[in-house]
Amino acid sequence: MKQHPTEGAKRLLDSPGVPQLAILTAFEHHIRYDLSGYPTVHNQWSQHLCSQMTTISDIYDAVRTKRPYSAPQPPEKCAAILQKMAGREIHPQLAANFLYLLENRQDQP
């Protein structure tokens, strides 16, 4: 499981026409804001902004949707999880912006 960012990036690298940013994002999307996570990177690594946004949406999706190992969580619980992770595991301002957008969606009643 922890090899999928590296393996995914390799597959994309071998696919003609795939943008470099897509390859980088596939590689970095499980690296956390504090550089924990996987794959392991050196402590001077600078994670791309697109990867940081993808990390947040990936976490939200993992918590919000039904998985074989867990039930989907309500949006309020997902928001609480992201708020707890902000500043350590995910970019704090990006997390705040993501939650703001969720709370202010135009399609909500």
N, C-alpha and C. Protein backbone atom coordinates (compact mmCIF):
# COMPACT_ATOMS: atom_id res chain seq x y z
N MET A 1 0.82 -1.20 0.00
CA MET A 1 0.00 0.00 0.00
C MET A 1 0.86 1.27 0.00
N LYS A 2 1.90 1.28 0.83
CA LYS A 2 2.73 2.48 0.92
C LYS A 2 3.59 2.71 -0.32
N GLN A 3 3.60 1.74 -1.22
CA GLN A 3 4.38 1.90 -2.44
C GLN A 3 3.58 2.56 -3.56
N HIS A 4 2.26 2.74 -3.36
CA HIS A 4 1.46 3.23 -4.49
C HIS A 4 1.82 4.64 -4.96
N PRO A 5 2.28 5.56 -4.10
CA PRO A 5 2.69 6.86 -4.66
C PRO A 5 3.89 6.73 -5.60
N THR A 6 4.87 5.94 -5.20
CA THR A 6 6.06 5.76 -6.03
C THR A 6 5.73 4.97 -7.30
N GLU A 7 4.98 3.90 -7.13
CA GLU A 7 4.62 3.07 -8.29
C GLU A 7 3.71 3.84 -9.25
N GLY A 8 2.77 4.62 -8.70
CA GLY A 8 1.89 5.42 -9.55
C GLY A 8 2.66 6.46 -10.34
N ALA A 9 3.61 7.11 -9.67
CA ALA A 9 4.43 8.12 -10.35
C ALA A 9 5.26 7.47 -11.46
N LYS A 10 5.80 6.28 -11.20
CA LYS A 10 6.58 5.57 -12.23
C LYS A 10 5.70 5.24 -13.44
N ARG A 11 4.49 4.78 -13.19
CA ARG A 11 3.60 4.45 -14.30
C ARG A 11 3.25 5.70 -15.11
N LEU A 12 2.98 6.79 -14.41
CA LEU A 12 2.67 8.03 -15.11
C LEU A 12 3.87 8.54 -15.90
N LEU A 13 5.05 8.37 -15.33
CA LEU A 13 6.28 8.79 -16.00
C LEU A 13 6.47 8.04 -17.31
N ASP A 14 6.03 6.80 -17.35
CA ASP A 14 6.15 5.98 -18.55
C ASP A 14 4.98 6.18 -19.53
N SER A 15 4.04 7.06 -19.18
CA SER A 15 2.87 7.30 -20.03
C SER A 15 3.07 8.59 -20.81
N PRO A 16 3.04 8.51 -22.13
CA PRO A 16 3.23 9.72 -22.94
C PRO A 16 2.15 10.76 -22.69
N GLY A 17 2.57 12.01 -22.65
CA GLY A 17 1.64 13.12 -22.56
C GLY A 17 1.16 13.48 -21.16
N VAL A 18 1.62 12.77 -20.14
CA VAL A 18 1.19 13.08 -18.78
C VAL A 18 2.01 14.26 -18.28
N PRO A 19 1.34 15.31 -17.78
CA PRO A 19 2.08 16.47 -17.28
C PRO A 19 2.97 16.12 -16.09
N GLN A 20 4.10 16.78 -16.02
CA GLN A 20 5.04 16.53 -14.92
C GLN A 20 4.40 16.80 -13.56
N LEU A 21 3.51 17.78 -13.49
CA LEU A 21 2.85 18.08 -12.22
C LEU A 21 1.99 16.91 -11.75
N ALA A 22 1.36 16.21 -12.66
CA ALA A 22 0.56 15.03 -12.30
C ALA A 22 1.45 13.94 -11.71
N ILE A 23 2.62 13.77 -12.28
CA ILE A 23 3.58 12.76 -11.80
C ILE A 23 4.06 13.14 -10.41
N LEU A 24 4.43 14.39 -10.23
CA LEU A 24 4.90 14.87 -8.94
C LEU A 24 3.81 14.74 -7.88
N THR A 25 2.58 15.11 -8.22
CA THR A 25 1.47 15.03 -7.28
C THR A 25 1.19 13.58 -6.88
N ALA A 26 1.24 12.68 -7.84
CA ALA A 26 1.07 11.26 -7.52
C ALA A 26 2.13 10.80 -6.53
N PHE A 27 3.36 11.25 -6.73
CA PHE A 27 4.46 10.88 -5.83
C PHE A 27 4.29 11.48 -4.44
N GLU A 28 3.85 12.72 -4.35
CA GLU A 28 3.86 13.46 -3.07
C GLU A 28 2.56 13.41 -2.27
N HIS A 29 1.49 12.87 -2.79
CA HIS A 29 0.19 13.07 -2.15
C HIS A 29 0.00 12.41 -0.79
N HIS A 30 0.93 11.57 -0.34
CA HIS A 30 0.87 11.01 1.02
C HIS A 30 1.99 11.56 1.90
N ILE A 31 2.71 12.55 1.40
CA ILE A 31 3.69 13.24 2.23
C ILE A 31 2.93 14.31 3.01
N ARG A 32 3.15 14.38 4.28
CA ARG A 32 2.42 15.32 5.13
C ARG A 32 3.16 16.65 5.21
N TYR A 33 2.45 17.64 5.70
CA TYR A 33 2.98 19.00 5.84
C TYR A 33 4.27 19.01 6.65
N ASP A 34 4.35 18.15 7.67
CA ASP A 34 5.55 18.06 8.50
C ASP A 34 6.59 17.10 7.91
N LEU A 35 6.36 16.67 6.68
CA LEU A 35 7.22 15.77 5.90
C LEU A 35 7.22 14.33 6.42
N SER A 36 6.28 14.01 7.32
CA SER A 36 6.08 12.61 7.67
C SER A 36 5.27 11.98 6.53
N GLY A 37 4.80 10.80 6.72
CA GLY A 37 4.05 10.13 5.67
C GLY A 37 4.99 9.35 4.76
N TYR A 38 4.55 9.12 3.56
CA TYR A 38 5.35 8.32 2.63
C TYR A 38 5.11 8.79 1.21
N PRO A 39 6.07 8.59 0.34
CA PRO A 39 7.40 8.02 0.59
C PRO A 39 8.25 8.96 1.46
N THR A 40 9.26 8.40 2.05
CA THR A 40 10.16 9.17 2.90
C THR A 40 10.98 10.14 2.04
N VAL A 41 11.03 11.39 2.48
CA VAL A 41 11.82 12.41 1.78
C VAL A 41 12.76 13.08 2.79
N HIS A 42 13.79 13.75 2.29
CA HIS A 42 14.73 14.43 3.19
C HIS A 42 14.08 15.65 3.82
N ASN A 43 14.62 16.12 4.92
CA ASN A 43 13.98 17.18 5.71
C ASN A 43 14.01 18.56 5.06
N GLN A 44 14.65 18.70 3.91
CA GLN A 44 14.64 19.96 3.18
C GLN A 44 13.68 19.91 1.98
N TRP A 45 12.91 18.83 1.88
CA TRP A 45 11.99 18.65 0.76
C TRP A 45 10.96 19.77 0.76
N SER A 46 10.61 20.24 -0.40
CA SER A 46 9.59 21.28 -0.54
C SER A 46 8.45 20.70 -1.36
N GLN A 47 7.39 20.32 -0.66
CA GLN A 47 6.25 19.71 -1.32
C GLN A 47 5.49 20.75 -2.14
N HIS A 48 5.13 20.38 -3.35
CA HIS A 48 4.43 21.28 -4.26
C HIS A 48 3.05 21.63 -3.70
N LEU A 49 2.61 22.85 -3.94
CA LEU A 49 1.30 23.31 -3.49
C LEU A 49 0.17 22.40 -3.99
N CYS A 50 0.25 21.98 -5.22
CA CYS A 50 -0.77 21.09 -5.79
C CYS A 50 -0.83 19.77 -5.03
N SER A 51 0.31 19.26 -4.65
CA SER A 51 0.36 18.03 -3.86
C SER A 51 -0.26 18.23 -2.49
N GLN A 52 -0.01 19.38 -1.89
CA GLN A 52 -0.60 19.67 -0.58
C GLN A 52 -2.12 19.75 -0.66
N MET A 53 -2.64 20.33 -1.72
CA MET A 53 -4.09 20.40 -1.91
C MET A 53 -4.66 19.00 -2.14
N THR A 54 -3.94 18.20 -2.92
CA THR A 54 -4.39 16.84 -3.19
C THR A 54 -4.39 16.01 -1.92
N THR A 55 -3.40 16.21 -1.06
CA THR A 55 -3.35 15.51 0.22
C THR A 55 -4.62 15.77 1.02
N ILE A 56 -5.03 17.02 1.09
CA ILE A 56 -6.23 17.39 1.85
C ILE A 56 -7.47 16.74 1.25
N SER A 57 -7.64 16.83 -0.05
CA SER A 57 -8.83 16.25 -0.67
C SER A 57 -8.80 14.73 -0.57
N ASP A 58 -7.63 14.11 -0.62
CA ASP A 58 -7.51 12.67 -0.48
C ASP A 58 -7.92 12.21 0.92
N ILE A 59 -7.49 12.95 1.93
CA ILE A 59 -7.86 12.63 3.31
C ILE A 59 -9.36 12.79 3.48
N TYR A 60 -9.92 13.88 2.99
CA TYR A 60 -11.35 14.11 3.10
C TYR A 60 -12.12 12.98 2.43
N ASP A 61 -11.71 12.61 1.23
CA ASP A 61 -12.37 11.53 0.51
C ASP A 61 -12.28 10.21 1.27
N ALA A 62 -11.12 9.92 1.85
CA ALA A 62 -10.93 8.67 2.58
C ALA A 62 -11.85 8.59 3.80
N VAL A 63 -12.09 9.72 4.44
CA VAL A 63 -12.94 9.74 5.64
C VAL A 63 -14.42 9.82 5.27
N ARG A 64 -14.72 10.48 4.18
CA ARG A 64 -16.12 10.76 3.81
C ARG A 64 -16.79 9.61 3.07
N THR A 65 -16.04 8.75 2.41
CA THR A 65 -16.64 7.69 1.60
C THR A 65 -16.55 6.34 2.29
N LYS A 66 -17.45 5.45 1.90
CA LYS A 66 -17.47 4.10 2.46
C LYS A 66 -16.24 3.35 1.99
N ARG A 67 -15.57 2.73 2.93
CA ARG A 67 -14.39 1.92 2.64
C ARG A 67 -14.61 0.52 3.23
N PRO A 68 -13.89 -0.47 2.75
CA PRO A 68 -14.07 -1.81 3.33
C PRO A 68 -13.75 -1.85 4.83
N TYR A 69 -12.91 -0.94 5.28
CA TYR A 69 -12.47 -0.93 6.67
C TYR A 69 -13.14 0.14 7.53
N SER A 70 -14.00 0.98 6.95
CA SER A 70 -14.66 2.01 7.76
C SER A 70 -15.91 2.56 7.07
N ALA A 71 -16.82 3.01 7.90
CA ALA A 71 -18.06 3.63 7.40
C ALA A 71 -17.79 5.08 7.04
N PRO A 72 -18.57 5.65 6.14
CA PRO A 72 -18.39 7.07 5.81
C PRO A 72 -18.76 7.95 7.00
N GLN A 73 -18.01 9.01 7.17
CA GLN A 73 -18.24 9.94 8.27
C GLN A 73 -19.02 11.15 7.77
N PRO A 74 -19.83 11.76 8.64
CA PRO A 74 -20.56 12.96 8.22
C PRO A 74 -19.59 14.12 8.00
N PRO A 75 -20.02 15.10 7.20
CA PRO A 75 -19.13 16.24 6.90
C PRO A 75 -18.57 16.92 8.15
N GLU A 76 -19.35 17.03 9.21
CA GLU A 76 -18.88 17.70 10.43
C GLU A 76 -17.70 16.95 11.05
N LYS A 77 -17.77 15.63 11.04
CA LYS A 77 -16.67 14.82 11.58
C LYS A 77 -15.44 14.95 10.69
N CYS A 78 -15.64 14.97 9.37
CA CYS A 78 -14.53 15.14 8.44
C CYS A 78 -13.84 16.48 8.67
N ALA A 79 -14.64 17.52 8.88
CA ALA A 79 -14.09 18.86 9.14
C ALA A 79 -13.27 18.85 10.42
N ALA A 80 -13.77 18.19 11.45
CA ALA A 80 -13.04 18.13 12.73
C ALA A 80 -11.71 17.40 12.56
N ILE A 81 -11.70 16.35 11.77
CA ILE A 81 -10.46 15.61 11.53
C ILE A 81 -9.44 16.50 10.81
N LEU A 82 -9.89 17.20 9.77
CA LEU A 82 -8.98 18.09 9.04
C LEU A 82 -8.47 19.21 9.94
N GLN A 83 -9.33 19.77 10.77
CA GLN A 83 -8.90 20.84 11.68
C GLN A 83 -7.84 20.33 12.65
N LYS A 84 -8.01 19.11 13.12
CA LYS A 84 -7.03 18.54 14.04
C LYS A 84 -5.67 18.31 13.36
N MET A 85 -5.70 17.97 12.09
CA MET A 85 -4.48 17.69 11.34
C MET A 85 -3.77 18.97 10.86
N ALA A 86 -4.50 20.07 10.79
CA ALA A 86 -3.97 21.32 10.24
C ALA A 86 -2.77 21.81 11.02
N GLY A 87 -1.74 22.18 10.30
CA GLY A 87 -0.53 22.73 10.91
C GLY A 87 0.52 21.68 11.20
N ARG A 88 0.11 20.42 11.25
CA ARG A 88 1.05 19.34 11.52
C ARG A 88 1.12 18.41 10.31
N GLU A 89 -0.02 17.84 9.95
CA GLU A 89 -0.05 16.88 8.86
C GLU A 89 -0.49 17.50 7.53
N ILE A 90 -1.26 18.56 7.61
CA ILE A 90 -1.69 19.25 6.39
C ILE A 90 -1.49 20.75 6.55
N HIS A 91 -1.34 21.42 5.44
CA HIS A 91 -1.10 22.87 5.40
C HIS A 91 -2.27 23.59 6.07
N PRO A 92 -2.02 24.40 7.09
CA PRO A 92 -3.11 25.02 7.85
C PRO A 92 -4.00 25.95 7.04
N GLN A 93 -3.42 26.79 6.21
CA GLN A 93 -4.24 27.73 5.44
C GLN A 93 -5.02 27.02 4.33
N LEU A 94 -4.39 26.05 3.70
CA LEU A 94 -5.10 25.28 2.68
C LEU A 94 -6.26 24.50 3.30
N ALA A 95 -6.05 23.96 4.48
CA ALA A 95 -7.12 23.24 5.17
C ALA A 95 -8.27 24.19 5.50
N ALA A 96 -7.94 25.37 6.00
CA ALA A 96 -8.97 26.37 6.32
C ALA A 96 -9.75 26.76 5.07
N ASN A 97 -9.04 26.97 3.97
CA ASN A 97 -9.71 27.33 2.71
C ASN A 97 -10.61 26.19 2.22
N PHE A 98 -10.12 24.97 2.30
CA PHE A 98 -10.90 23.80 1.89
C PHE A 98 -12.20 23.72 2.70
N LEU A 99 -12.08 23.86 4.01
CA LEU A 99 -13.26 23.79 4.88
C LEU A 99 -14.21 24.96 4.61
N TYR A 100 -13.66 26.13 4.36
CA TYR A 100 -14.50 27.29 4.03
C TYR A 100 -15.32 27.02 2.77
N LEU A 101 -14.66 26.47 1.76
CA LEU A 101 -15.36 26.18 0.51
C LEU A 101 -16.45 25.12 0.72
N LEU A 102 -16.17 24.13 1.53
CA LEU A 102 -17.19 23.11 1.81
C LEU A 102 -18.41 23.71 2.53
N GLU A 103 -18.12 24.58 3.48
CA GLU A 103 -19.19 25.18 4.26
C GLU A 103 -20.03 26.17 3.45
N ASN A 104 -19.46 26.71 2.41
CA ASN A 104 -20.12 27.76 1.63
C ASN A 104 -20.46 27.34 0.20
N ARG A 105 -20.63 26.04 0.01
CA ARG A 105 -20.99 25.55 -1.33
C ARG A 105 -22.33 26.14 -1.73
N GLN A 106 -22.44 26.49 -2.99
CA GLN A 106 -23.67 27.10 -3.51
C GLN A 106 -24.80 26.08 -3.66
N ASP A 107 -24.45 24.78 -3.75
CA ASP A 107 -25.49 23.77 -3.98
C ASP A 107 -26.14 23.27 -2.68
N GLN A 108 -25.72 23.83 -1.55
CA GLN A 108 -26.35 23.44 -0.29
C GLN A 108 -27.67 24.16 -0.12
N PRO A 109 -28.63 23.49 0.52
CA PRO A 109 -29.93 24.16 0.75
C PRO A 109 -29.83 25.33 1.70
